[in-house]
Amino acid sequence: EAWKLKVSGGVFQGTKDDDTGIRASEDA
């Protein structure tokens, strides 16, 4: 009813460093 408003938001797994193998903190 509000101009077909749609809002999507989430938290996602961070990127893994190819050299160290350590994964960064979460993205949004």
mmCIF file of all heavy atoms, coordinates in Angstrom:
data_MODEL
# 
_entry.id   MODEL 
# 
loop_
_atom_site.group_PDB 
_atom_site.id 
_atom_site.type_symbol 
_atom_site.label_atom_id 
_atom_site.label_alt_id 
_atom_site.label_comp_id 
_atom_site.label_asym_id 
_atom_site.label_entity_id 
_atom_site.label_seq_id 
_atom_site.pdbx_PDB_ins_code 
_atom_site.Cartn_x 
_atom_site.Cartn_y 
_atom_site.Cartn_z 
_atom_site.occupancy 
_atom_site.B_iso_or_equiv 
_atom_site.pdbx_formal_charge 
_atom_site.auth_seq_id 
_atom_site.auth_comp_id 
_atom_site.auth_asym_id 
_atom_site.auth_atom_id 
_atom_site.pdbx_PDB_model_num 
ATOM 1   N N   . GLU A 1 1  ? 0.813  -1.213  0.000  1.00 0.00 ? 1  GLU A N   1 
ATOM 2   C CA  . GLU A 1 1  ? 0.000  0.000   0.000  1.00 0.00 ? 1  GLU A CA  1 
ATOM 3   C C   . GLU A 1 1  ? 0.848  1.264   0.000  1.00 0.00 ? 1  GLU A C   1 
ATOM 4   O O   . GLU A 1 1  ? 0.334  2.353   -0.245 1.00 0.00 ? 1  GLU A O   1 
ATOM 5   C CB  . GLU A 1 1  ? -0.935 0.012   1.219  1.00 0.00 ? 1  GLU A CB  1 
ATOM 6   C CG  . GLU A 1 1  ? -0.233 0.025   2.565  1.00 0.00 ? 1  GLU A CG  1 
ATOM 7   C CD  . GLU A 1 1  ? 0.162  -1.358  3.049  1.00 0.00 ? 1  GLU A CD  1 
ATOM 8   O OE1 . GLU A 1 1  ? 0.055  -2.325  2.258  1.00 0.00 ? 1  GLU A OE1 1 
ATOM 9   O OE2 . GLU A 1 1  ? 0.563  -1.479  4.220  1.00 0.00 ? 1  GLU A OE2 1 
ATOM 10  N N   . ALA A 1 2  ? 2.129  1.157   0.281  1.00 0.00 ? 2  ALA A N   1 
ATOM 11  C CA  . ALA A 1 2  ? 3.020  2.318   0.295  1.00 0.00 ? 2  ALA A CA  1 
ATOM 12  C C   . ALA A 1 2  ? 3.934  2.278   -0.921 1.00 0.00 ? 2  ALA A C   1 
ATOM 13  O O   . ALA A 1 2  ? 5.141  2.106   -0.813 1.00 0.00 ? 2  ALA A O   1 
ATOM 14  C CB  . ALA A 1 2  ? 3.843  2.338   1.581  1.00 0.00 ? 2  ALA A CB  1 
ATOM 15  N N   . TRP A 1 3  ? 3.332  2.417   -2.133 1.00 0.00 ? 3  TRP A N   1 
ATOM 16  C CA  . TRP A 1 3  ? 4.094  2.409   -3.376 1.00 0.00 ? 3  TRP A CA  1 
ATOM 17  C C   . TRP A 1 3  ? 4.909  1.127   -3.538 1.00 0.00 ? 3  TRP A C   1 
ATOM 18  O O   . TRP A 1 3  ? 6.003  1.127   -4.069 1.00 0.00 ? 3  TRP A O   1 
ATOM 19  C CB  . TRP A 1 3  ? 5.032  3.613   -3.472 1.00 0.00 ? 3  TRP A CB  1 
ATOM 20  C CG  . TRP A 1 3  ? 4.335  4.892   -3.802 1.00 0.00 ? 3  TRP A CG  1 
ATOM 21  C CD1 . TRP A 1 3  ? 3.010  5.077   -4.056 1.00 0.00 ? 3  TRP A CD1 1 
ATOM 22  C CD2 . TRP A 1 3  ? 4.942  6.185   -3.933 1.00 0.00 ? 3  TRP A CD2 1 
ATOM 23  N NE1 . TRP A 1 3  ? 2.743  6.390   -4.332 1.00 0.00 ? 3  TRP A NE1 1 
ATOM 24  C CE2 . TRP A 1 3  ? 3.915  7.112   -4.254 1.00 0.00 ? 3  TRP A CE2 1 
ATOM 25  C CE3 . TRP A 1 3  ? 6.239  6.654   -3.795 1.00 0.00 ? 3  TRP A CE3 1 
ATOM 26  C CZ2 . TRP A 1 3  ? 4.156  8.456   -4.449 1.00 0.00 ? 3  TRP A CZ2 1 
ATOM 27  C CZ3 . TRP A 1 3  ? 6.489  8.001   -3.983 1.00 0.00 ? 3  TRP A CZ3 1 
ATOM 28  C CH2 . TRP A 1 3  ? 5.456  8.892   -4.311 1.00 0.00 ? 3  TRP A CH2 1 
ATOM 29  N N   . LYS A 1 4  ? 4.355  0.030   -3.034 1.00 0.00 ? 4  LYS A N   1 
ATOM 30  C CA  . LYS A 1 4  ? 5.047  -1.262  -3.106 1.00 0.00 ? 4  LYS A CA  1 
ATOM 31  C C   . LYS A 1 4  ? 6.453  -1.174  -2.500 1.00 0.00 ? 4  LYS A C   1 
ATOM 32  O O   . LYS A 1 4  ? 7.431  -1.709  -3.051 1.00 0.00 ? 4  LYS A O   1 
ATOM 33  C CB  . LYS A 1 4  ? 5.097  -1.779  -4.532 1.00 0.00 ? 4  LYS A CB  1 
ATOM 34  C CG  . LYS A 1 4  ? 3.723  -2.059  -5.131 1.00 0.00 ? 4  LYS A CG  1 
ATOM 35  C CD  . LYS A 1 4  ? 3.837  -2.696  -6.490 1.00 0.00 ? 4  LYS A CD  1 
ATOM 36  C CE  . LYS A 1 4  ? 2.461  -2.951  -7.096 1.00 0.00 ? 4  LYS A CE  1 
ATOM 37  N NZ  . LYS A 1 4  ? 1.677  -3.914  -6.336 1.00 0.00 ? 4  LYS A NZ  1 
ATOM 38  N N   . LEU A 1 5  ? 6.540  -0.526  -1.383 1.00 0.00 ? 5  LEU A N   1 
ATOM 39  C CA  . LEU A 1 5  ? 7.831  -0.370  -0.705 1.00 0.00 ? 5  LEU A CA  1 
ATOM 40  C C   . LEU A 1 5  ? 8.358  -1.720  -0.246 1.00 0.00 ? 5  LEU A C   1 
ATOM 41  O O   . LEU A 1 5  ? 7.625  -2.541  0.318  1.00 0.00 ? 5  LEU A O   1 
ATOM 42  C CB  . LEU A 1 5  ? 7.668  0.552   0.504  1.00 0.00 ? 5  LEU A CB  1 
ATOM 43  C CG  . LEU A 1 5  ? 8.885  0.672   1.434  1.00 0.00 ? 5  LEU A CG  1 
ATOM 44  C CD1 . LEU A 1 5  ? 10.044 1.348   0.721  1.00 0.00 ? 5  LEU A CD1 1 
ATOM 45  C CD2 . LEU A 1 5  ? 8.510  1.425   2.708  1.00 0.00 ? 5  LEU A CD2 1 
ATOM 46  N N   . LYS A 1 6  ? 9.633  -1.944  -0.505 1.00 0.00 ? 6  LYS A N   1 
ATOM 47  C CA  . LYS A 1 6  ? 10.306 -3.156  -0.036 1.00 0.00 ? 6  LYS A CA  1 
ATOM 48  C C   . LYS A 1 6  ? 11.673 -2.772  0.514  1.00 0.00 ? 6  LYS A C   1 
ATOM 49  O O   . LYS A 1 6  ? 12.449 -2.073  -0.146 1.00 0.00 ? 6  LYS A O   1 
ATOM 50  C CB  . LYS A 1 6  ? 10.474 -4.160  -1.165 1.00 0.00 ? 6  LYS A CB  1 
ATOM 51  C CG  . LYS A 1 6  ? 11.154 -5.464  -0.724 1.00 0.00 ? 6  LYS A CG  1 
ATOM 52  C CD  . LYS A 1 6  ? 11.464 -6.360  -1.899 1.00 0.00 ? 6  LYS A CD  1 
ATOM 53  C CE  . LYS A 1 6  ? 10.214 -6.874  -2.541 1.00 0.00 ? 6  LYS A CE  1 
ATOM 54  N NZ  . LYS A 1 6  ? 10.506 -7.818  -3.644 1.00 0.00 ? 6  LYS A NZ  1 
ATOM 55  N N   . VAL A 1 7  ? 11.947 -3.216  1.724  1.00 0.00 ? 7  VAL A N   1 
ATOM 56  C CA  . VAL A 1 7  ? 13.224 -2.933  2.381  1.00 0.00 ? 7  VAL A CA  1 
ATOM 57  C C   . VAL A 1 7  ? 13.854 -4.256  2.790  1.00 0.00 ? 7  VAL A C   1 
ATOM 58  O O   . VAL A 1 7  ? 13.220 -5.072  3.468  1.00 0.00 ? 7  VAL A O   1 
ATOM 59  C CB  . VAL A 1 7  ? 13.040 -2.026  3.615  1.00 0.00 ? 7  VAL A CB  1 
ATOM 60  C CG1 . VAL A 1 7  ? 14.392 -1.752  4.265  1.00 0.00 ? 7  VAL A CG1 1 
ATOM 61  C CG2 . VAL A 1 7  ? 12.361 -0.714  3.215  1.00 0.00 ? 7  VAL A CG2 1 
ATOM 62  N N   . SER A 1 8  ? 15.084 -4.483  2.363  1.00 0.00 ? 8  SER A N   1 
ATOM 63  C CA  . SER A 1 8  ? 15.822 -5.706  2.688  1.00 0.00 ? 8  SER A CA  1 
ATOM 64  C C   . SER A 1 8  ? 17.143 -5.319  3.325  1.00 0.00 ? 8  SER A C   1 
ATOM 65  O O   . SER A 1 8  ? 17.853 -4.439  2.814  1.00 0.00 ? 8  SER A O   1 
ATOM 66  C CB  . SER A 1 8  ? 16.076 -6.551  1.438  1.00 0.00 ? 8  SER A CB  1 
ATOM 67  O OG  . SER A 1 8  ? 14.874 -6.803  0.738  1.00 0.00 ? 8  SER A OG  1 
ATOM 68  N N   . GLY A 1 9  ? 17.480 -5.962  4.417  1.00 0.00 ? 9  GLY A N   1 
ATOM 69  C CA  . GLY A 1 9  ? 18.746 -5.680  5.091  1.00 0.00 ? 9  GLY A CA  1 
ATOM 70  C C   . GLY A 1 9  ? 19.265 -6.911  5.803  1.00 0.00 ? 9  GLY A C   1 
ATOM 71  O O   . GLY A 1 9  ? 18.474 -7.715  6.326  1.00 0.00 ? 9  GLY A O   1 
ATOM 72  N N   . GLY A 1 10 ? 20.585 -7.086  5.791  1.00 0.00 ? 10 GLY A N   1 
ATOM 73  C CA  . GLY A 1 10 ? 21.141 -8.272  6.425  1.00 0.00 ? 10 GLY A CA  1 
ATOM 74  C C   . GLY A 1 10 ? 22.599 -8.127  6.783  1.00 0.00 ? 10 GLY A C   1 
ATOM 75  O O   . GLY A 1 10 ? 23.272 -7.159  6.425  1.00 0.00 ? 10 GLY A O   1 
ATOM 76  N N   . VAL A 1 11 ? 23.073 -9.133  7.511  1.00 0.00 ? 11 VAL A N   1 
ATOM 77  C CA  . VAL A 1 11 ? 24.474 -9.240  7.915  1.00 0.00 ? 11 VAL A CA  1 
ATOM 78  C C   . VAL A 1 11 ? 25.049 -10.475 7.249  1.00 0.00 ? 11 VAL A C   1 
ATOM 79  O O   . VAL A 1 11 ? 24.417 -11.546 7.254  1.00 0.00 ? 11 VAL A O   1 
ATOM 80  C CB  . VAL A 1 11 ? 24.593 -9.336  9.448  1.00 0.00 ? 11 VAL A CB  1 
ATOM 81  C CG1 . VAL A 1 11 ? 26.055 -9.504  9.856  1.00 0.00 ? 11 VAL A CG1 1 
ATOM 82  C CG2 . VAL A 1 11 ? 24.000 -8.109  10.113 1.00 0.00 ? 11 VAL A CG2 1 
ATOM 83  N N   . PHE A 1 12 ? 26.277 -10.337 6.685  1.00 0.00 ? 12 PHE A N   1 
ATOM 84  C CA  . PHE A 1 12 ? 26.841 -11.404 5.880  1.00 0.00 ? 12 PHE A CA  1 
ATOM 85  C C   . PHE A 1 12 ? 28.276 -11.705 6.305  1.00 0.00 ? 12 PHE A C   1 
ATOM 86  O O   . PHE A 1 12 ? 28.963 -10.850 6.862  1.00 0.00 ? 12 PHE A O   1 
ATOM 87  C CB  . PHE A 1 12 ? 26.813 -11.014 4.394  1.00 0.00 ? 12 PHE A CB  1 
ATOM 88  C CG  . PHE A 1 12 ? 25.431 -10.791 3.872  1.00 0.00 ? 12 PHE A CG  1 
ATOM 89  C CD1 . PHE A 1 12 ? 24.839 -9.536  3.966  1.00 0.00 ? 12 PHE A CD1 1 
ATOM 90  C CD2 . PHE A 1 12 ? 24.703 -11.824 3.323  1.00 0.00 ? 12 PHE A CD2 1 
ATOM 91  C CE1 . PHE A 1 12 ? 23.561 -9.324  3.501  1.00 0.00 ? 12 PHE A CE1 1 
ATOM 92  C CE2 . PHE A 1 12 ? 23.425 -11.628 2.856  1.00 0.00 ? 12 PHE A CE2 1 
ATOM 93  C CZ  . PHE A 1 12 ? 22.843 -10.377 2.948  1.00 0.00 ? 12 PHE A CZ  1 
ATOM 94  N N   . GLN A 1 13 ? 28.676 -12.919 5.998  1.00 0.00 ? 13 GLN A N   1 
ATOM 95  C CA  . GLN A 1 13 ? 30.024 -13.373 6.329  1.00 0.00 ? 13 GLN A CA  1 
ATOM 96  C C   . GLN A 1 13 ? 31.068 -12.530 5.609  1.00 0.00 ? 13 GLN A C   1 
ATOM 97  O O   . GLN A 1 13 ? 30.931 -12.204 4.433  1.00 0.00 ? 13 GLN A O   1 
ATOM 98  C CB  . GLN A 1 13 ? 30.170 -14.840 5.939  1.00 0.00 ? 13 GLN A CB  1 
ATOM 99  C CG  . GLN A 1 13 ? 31.449 -15.500 6.439  1.00 0.00 ? 13 GLN A CG  1 
ATOM 100 C CD  . GLN A 1 13 ? 31.486 -16.966 6.067  1.00 0.00 ? 13 GLN A CD  1 
ATOM 101 O OE1 . GLN A 1 13 ? 31.430 -17.306 4.898  1.00 0.00 ? 13 GLN A OE1 1 
ATOM 102 N NE2 . GLN A 1 13 ? 31.578 -17.826 7.056  1.00 0.00 ? 13 GLN A NE2 1 
ATOM 103 N N   . GLY A 1 14 ? 32.136 -12.174 6.332  1.00 0.00 ? 14 GLY A N   1 
ATOM 104 C CA  . GLY A 1 14 ? 33.196 -11.368 5.746  1.00 0.00 ? 14 GLY A CA  1 
ATOM 105 C C   . GLY A 1 14 ? 34.053 -12.141 4.759  1.00 0.00 ? 14 GLY A C   1 
ATOM 106 O O   . GLY A 1 14 ? 33.973 -13.373 4.646  1.00 0.00 ? 14 GLY A O   1 
ATOM 107 N N   . THR A 1 15 ? 34.900 -11.414 4.043  1.00 0.00 ? 15 THR A N   1 
ATOM 108 C CA  . THR A 1 15 ? 35.751 -12.011 3.021  1.00 0.00 ? 15 THR A CA  1 
ATOM 109 C C   . THR A 1 15 ? 36.961 -12.697 3.654  1.00 0.00 ? 15 THR A C   1 
ATOM 110 O O   . THR A 1 15 ? 37.558 -12.193 4.603  1.00 0.00 ? 15 THR A O   1 
ATOM 111 C CB  . THR A 1 15 ? 36.225 -10.929 2.042  1.00 0.00 ? 15 THR A CB  1 
ATOM 112 O OG1 . THR A 1 15 ? 35.080 -10.279 1.480  1.00 0.00 ? 15 THR A OG1 1 
ATOM 113 C CG2 . THR A 1 15 ? 37.062 -11.531 0.926  1.00 0.00 ? 15 THR A CG2 1 
ATOM 114 N N   . LYS A 1 16 ? 37.317 -13.830 3.080  1.00 0.00 ? 16 LYS A N   1 
ATOM 115 C CA  . LYS A 1 16 ? 38.477 -14.581 3.563  1.00 0.00 ? 16 LYS A CA  1 
ATOM 116 C C   . LYS A 1 16 ? 39.723 -14.161 2.800  1.00 0.00 ? 16 LYS A C   1 
ATOM 117 O O   . LYS A 1 16 ? 39.725 -14.122 1.559  1.00 0.00 ? 16 LYS A O   1 
ATOM 118 C CB  . LYS A 1 16 ? 38.234 -16.081 3.378  1.00 0.00 ? 16 LYS A CB  1 
ATOM 119 C CG  . LYS A 1 16 ? 39.318 -16.967 3.980  1.00 0.00 ? 16 LYS A CG  1 
ATOM 120 C CD  . LYS A 1 16 ? 38.945 -18.429 3.828  1.00 0.00 ? 16 LYS A CD  1 
ATOM 121 C CE  . LYS A 1 16 ? 39.987 -19.330 4.444  1.00 0.00 ? 16 LYS A CE  1 
ATOM 122 N NZ  . LYS A 1 16 ? 39.632 -20.770 4.303  1.00 0.00 ? 16 LYS A NZ  1 
ATOM 123 N N   . ASP A 1 17 ? 40.787 -13.843 3.526  1.00 0.00 ? 17 ASP A N   1 
ATOM 124 C CA  . ASP A 1 17 ? 42.045 -13.430 2.910  1.00 0.00 ? 17 ASP A CA  1 
ATOM 125 C C   . ASP A 1 17 ? 42.733 -14.646 2.286  1.00 0.00 ? 17 ASP A C   1 
ATOM 126 O O   . ASP A 1 17 ? 42.938 -15.665 2.945  1.00 0.00 ? 17 ASP A O   1 
ATOM 127 C CB  . ASP A 1 17 ? 42.953 -12.783 3.950  1.00 0.00 ? 17 ASP A CB  1 
ATOM 128 C CG  . ASP A 1 17 ? 44.178 -12.151 3.310  1.00 0.00 ? 17 ASP A CG  1 
ATOM 129 O OD1 . ASP A 1 17 ? 45.122 -12.887 2.963  1.00 0.00 ? 17 ASP A OD1 1 
ATOM 130 O OD2 . ASP A 1 17 ? 44.192 -10.908 3.159  1.00 0.00 ? 17 ASP A OD2 1 
ATOM 131 N N   . ASP A 1 18 ? 43.058 -14.552 0.999  1.00 0.00 ? 18 ASP A N   1 
ATOM 132 C CA  . ASP A 1 18 ? 43.659 -15.688 0.298  1.00 0.00 ? 18 ASP A CA  1 
ATOM 133 C C   . ASP A 1 18 ? 45.055 -16.019 0.814  1.00 0.00 ? 18 ASP A C   1 
ATOM 134 O O   . ASP A 1 18 ? 45.478 -17.186 0.775  1.00 0.00 ? 18 ASP A O   1 
ATOM 135 C CB  . ASP A 1 18 ? 43.730 -15.398 -1.202 1.00 0.00 ? 18 ASP A CB  1 
ATOM 136 C CG  . ASP A 1 18 ? 42.346 -15.289 -1.825 1.00 0.00 ? 18 ASP A CG  1 
ATOM 137 O OD1 . ASP A 1 18 ? 41.401 -15.896 -1.290 1.00 0.00 ? 18 ASP A OD1 1 
ATOM 138 O OD2 . ASP A 1 18 ? 42.214 -14.578 -2.851 1.00 0.00 ? 18 ASP A OD2 1 
ATOM 139 N N   . ASP A 1 19 ? 45.798 -15.018 1.305  1.00 0.00 ? 19 ASP A N   1 
ATOM 140 C CA  . ASP A 1 19 ? 47.178 -15.254 1.756  1.00 0.00 ? 19 ASP A CA  1 
ATOM 141 C C   . ASP A 1 19 ? 47.231 -15.813 3.172  1.00 0.00 ? 19 ASP A C   1 
ATOM 142 O O   . ASP A 1 19 ? 47.922 -16.798 3.435  1.00 0.00 ? 19 ASP A O   1 
ATOM 143 C CB  . ASP A 1 19 ? 47.974 -13.955 1.670  1.00 0.00 ? 19 ASP A CB  1 
ATOM 144 C CG  . ASP A 1 19 ? 48.077 -13.442 0.243  1.00 0.00 ? 19 ASP A CG  1 
ATOM 145 O OD1 . ASP A 1 19 ? 48.092 -14.289 -0.681 1.00 0.00 ? 19 ASP A OD1 1 
ATOM 146 O OD2 . ASP A 1 19 ? 48.122 -12.209 0.057  1.00 0.00 ? 19 ASP A OD2 1 
ATOM 147 N N   . THR A 1 20 ? 46.500 -15.185 4.088  1.00 0.00 ? 20 THR A N   1 
ATOM 148 C CA  . THR A 1 20 ? 46.563 -15.595 5.495  1.00 0.00 ? 20 THR A CA  1 
ATOM 149 C C   . THR A 1 20 ? 45.502 -16.627 5.873  1.00 0.00 ? 20 THR A C   1 
ATOM 150 O O   . THR A 1 20 ? 45.647 -17.322 6.875  1.00 0.00 ? 20 THR A O   1 
ATOM 151 C CB  . THR A 1 20 ? 46.399 -14.367 6.404  1.00 0.00 ? 20 THR A CB  1 
ATOM 152 O OG1 . THR A 1 20 ? 45.094 -13.801 6.200  1.00 0.00 ? 20 THR A OG1 1 
ATOM 153 C CG2 . THR A 1 20 ? 47.451 -13.314 6.076  1.00 0.00 ? 20 THR A CG2 1 
ATOM 154 N N   . GLY A 1 21 ? 44.439 -16.709 5.088  1.00 0.00 ? 21 GLY A N   1 
ATOM 155 C CA  . GLY A 1 21 ? 43.354 -17.629 5.421  1.00 0.00 ? 21 GLY A CA  1 
ATOM 156 C C   . GLY A 1 21 ? 42.453 -17.112 6.528  1.00 0.00 ? 21 GLY A C   1 
ATOM 157 O O   . GLY A 1 21 ? 41.556 -17.833 6.972  1.00 0.00 ? 21 GLY A O   1 
ATOM 158 N N   . ILE A 1 22 ? 42.665 -15.879 6.964  1.00 0.00 ? 22 ILE A N   1 
ATOM 159 C CA  . ILE A 1 22 ? 41.852 -15.292 8.034  1.00 0.00 ? 22 ILE A CA  1 
ATOM 160 C C   . ILE A 1 22 ? 40.643 -14.590 7.409  1.00 0.00 ? 22 ILE A C   1 
ATOM 161 O O   . ILE A 1 22 ? 40.781 -13.850 6.438  1.00 0.00 ? 22 ILE A O   1 
ATOM 162 C CB  . ILE A 1 22 ? 42.686 -14.291 8.863  1.00 0.00 ? 22 ILE A CB  1 
ATOM 163 C CG1 . ILE A 1 22 ? 43.876 -15.009 9.508  1.00 0.00 ? 22 ILE A CG1 1 
ATOM 164 C CG2 . ILE A 1 22 ? 41.822 -13.624 9.922  1.00 0.00 ? 22 ILE A CG2 1 
ATOM 165 C CD1 . ILE A 1 22 ? 44.820 -14.077 10.242 1.00 0.00 ? 22 ILE A CD1 1 
ATOM 166 N N   . ARG A 1 23 ? 39.484 -14.822 7.995  1.00 0.00 ? 23 ARG A N   1 
ATOM 167 C CA  . ARG A 1 23 ? 38.260 -14.211 7.488  1.00 0.00 ? 23 ARG A CA  1 
ATOM 168 C C   . ARG A 1 23 ? 37.991 -12.902 8.213  1.00 0.00 ? 23 ARG A C   1 
ATOM 169 O O   . ARG A 1 23 ? 38.094 -12.823 9.444  1.00 0.00 ? 23 ARG A O   1 
ATOM 170 C CB  . ARG A 1 23 ? 37.071 -15.157 7.658  1.00 0.00 ? 23 ARG A CB  1 
ATOM 171 C CG  . ARG A 1 23 ? 35.820 -14.696 6.928  1.00 0.00 ? 23 ARG A CG  1 
ATOM 172 C CD  . ARG A 1 23 ? 34.743 -15.759 6.993  1.00 0.00 ? 23 ARG A CD  1 
ATOM 173 N NE  . ARG A 1 23 ? 35.107 -16.960 6.279  1.00 0.00 ? 23 ARG A NE  1 
ATOM 174 C CZ  . ARG A 1 23 ? 34.998 -17.139 4.971  1.00 0.00 ? 23 ARG A CZ  1 
ATOM 175 N NH1 . ARG A 1 23 ? 34.549 -16.124 4.219  1.00 0.00 ? 23 ARG A NH1 1 
ATOM 176 N NH2 . ARG A 1 23 ? 35.335 -18.274 4.405  1.00 0.00 ? 23 ARG A NH2 1 
ATOM 177 N N   . ALA A 1 24 ? 37.660 -11.869 7.454  1.00 0.00 ? 24 ALA A N   1 
ATOM 178 C CA  . ALA A 1 24 ? 37.361 -10.562 8.039  1.00 0.00 ? 24 ALA A CA  1 
ATOM 179 C C   . ALA A 1 24 ? 36.028 -10.605 8.776  1.00 0.00 ? 24 ALA A C   1 
ATOM 180 O O   . ALA A 1 24 ? 35.235 -11.539 8.646  1.00 0.00 ? 24 ALA A O   1 
ATOM 181 C CB  . ALA A 1 24 ? 37.332 -9.499  6.939  1.00 0.00 ? 24 ALA A CB  1 
ATOM 182 N N   . SER A 1 25 ? 35.766 -9.559  9.544  1.00 0.00 ? 25 SER A N   1 
ATOM 183 C CA  . SER A 1 25 ? 34.512 -9.485  10.286 1.00 0.00 ? 25 SER A CA  1 
ATOM 184 C C   . SER A 1 25 ? 33.330 -9.290  9.337  1.00 0.00 ? 25 SER A C   1 
ATOM 185 O O   . SER A 1 25 ? 33.503 -9.081  8.129  1.00 0.00 ? 25 SER A O   1 
ATOM 186 C CB  . SER A 1 25 ? 34.565 -8.344  11.298 1.00 0.00 ? 25 SER A CB  1 
ATOM 187 O OG  . SER A 1 25 ? 34.728 -7.099  10.634 1.00 0.00 ? 25 SER A OG  1 
ATOM 188 N N   . GLU A 1 26 ? 32.131 -9.315  9.883  1.00 0.00 ? 26 GLU A N   1 
ATOM 189 C CA  . GLU A 1 26 ? 30.917 -9.359  9.070  1.00 0.00 ? 26 GLU A CA  1 
ATOM 190 C C   . GLU A 1 26 ? 30.701 -8.074  8.258  1.00 0.00 ? 26 GLU A C   1 
ATOM 191 O O   . GLU A 1 26 ? 31.058 -6.980  8.678  1.00 0.00 ? 26 GLU A O   1 
ATOM 192 C CB  . GLU A 1 26 ? 29.691 -9.610  9.950  1.00 0.00 ? 26 GLU A CB  1 
ATOM 193 C CG  . GLU A 1 26 ? 29.599 -11.009 10.519 1.00 0.00 ? 26 GLU A CG  1 
ATOM 194 C CD  . GLU A 1 26 ? 30.552 -11.239 11.679 1.00 0.00 ? 26 GLU A CD  1 
ATOM 195 O OE1 . GLU A 1 26 ? 31.085 -10.230 12.195 1.00 0.00 ? 26 GLU A OE1 1 
ATOM 196 O OE2 . GLU A 1 26 ? 30.781 -12.405 12.051 1.00 0.00 ? 26 GLU A OE2 1 
ATOM 197 N N   . ASP A 1 27 ? 30.090 -8.281  7.085  1.00 0.00 ? 27 ASP A N   1 
ATOM 198 C CA  . ASP A 1 27 ? 29.655 -7.175  6.235  1.00 0.00 ? 27 ASP A CA  1 
ATOM 199 C C   . ASP A 1 27 ? 28.163 -6.925  6.468  1.00 0.00 ? 27 ASP A C   1 
ATOM 200 O O   . ASP A 1 27 ? 27.446 -7.757  7.028  1.00 0.00 ? 27 ASP A O   1 
ATOM 201 C CB  . ASP A 1 27 ? 29.890 -7.504  4.760  1.00 0.00 ? 27 ASP A CB  1 
ATOM 202 C CG  . ASP A 1 27 ? 31.356 -7.765  4.442  1.00 0.00 ? 27 ASP A CG  1 
ATOM 203 O OD1 . ASP A 1 27 ? 32.207 -7.471  5.303  1.00 0.00 ? 27 ASP A OD1 1 
ATOM 204 O OD2 . ASP A 1 27 ? 31.631 -8.269  3.338  1.00 0.00 ? 27 ASP A OD2 1 
ATOM 205 N N   . ALA A 1 28 ? 27.682 -5.787  5.991  1.00 0.00 ? 28 ALA A N   1 
ATOM 206 C CA  . ALA A 1 28 ? 26.262 -5.443  6.102  1.00 0.00 ? 28 ALA A CA  1 
ATOM 207 C C   . ALA A 1 28 ? 25.785 -4.831  4.800  1.00 0.00 ? 28 ALA A C   1 
ATOM 208 O O   . ALA A 1 28 ? 26.544 -4.149  4.097  1.00 0.00 ? 28 ALA A O   1 
ATOM 209 C CB  . ALA A 1 28 ? 26.018 -4.479  7.264  1.00 0.00 ? 28 ALA A CB  1 
# 
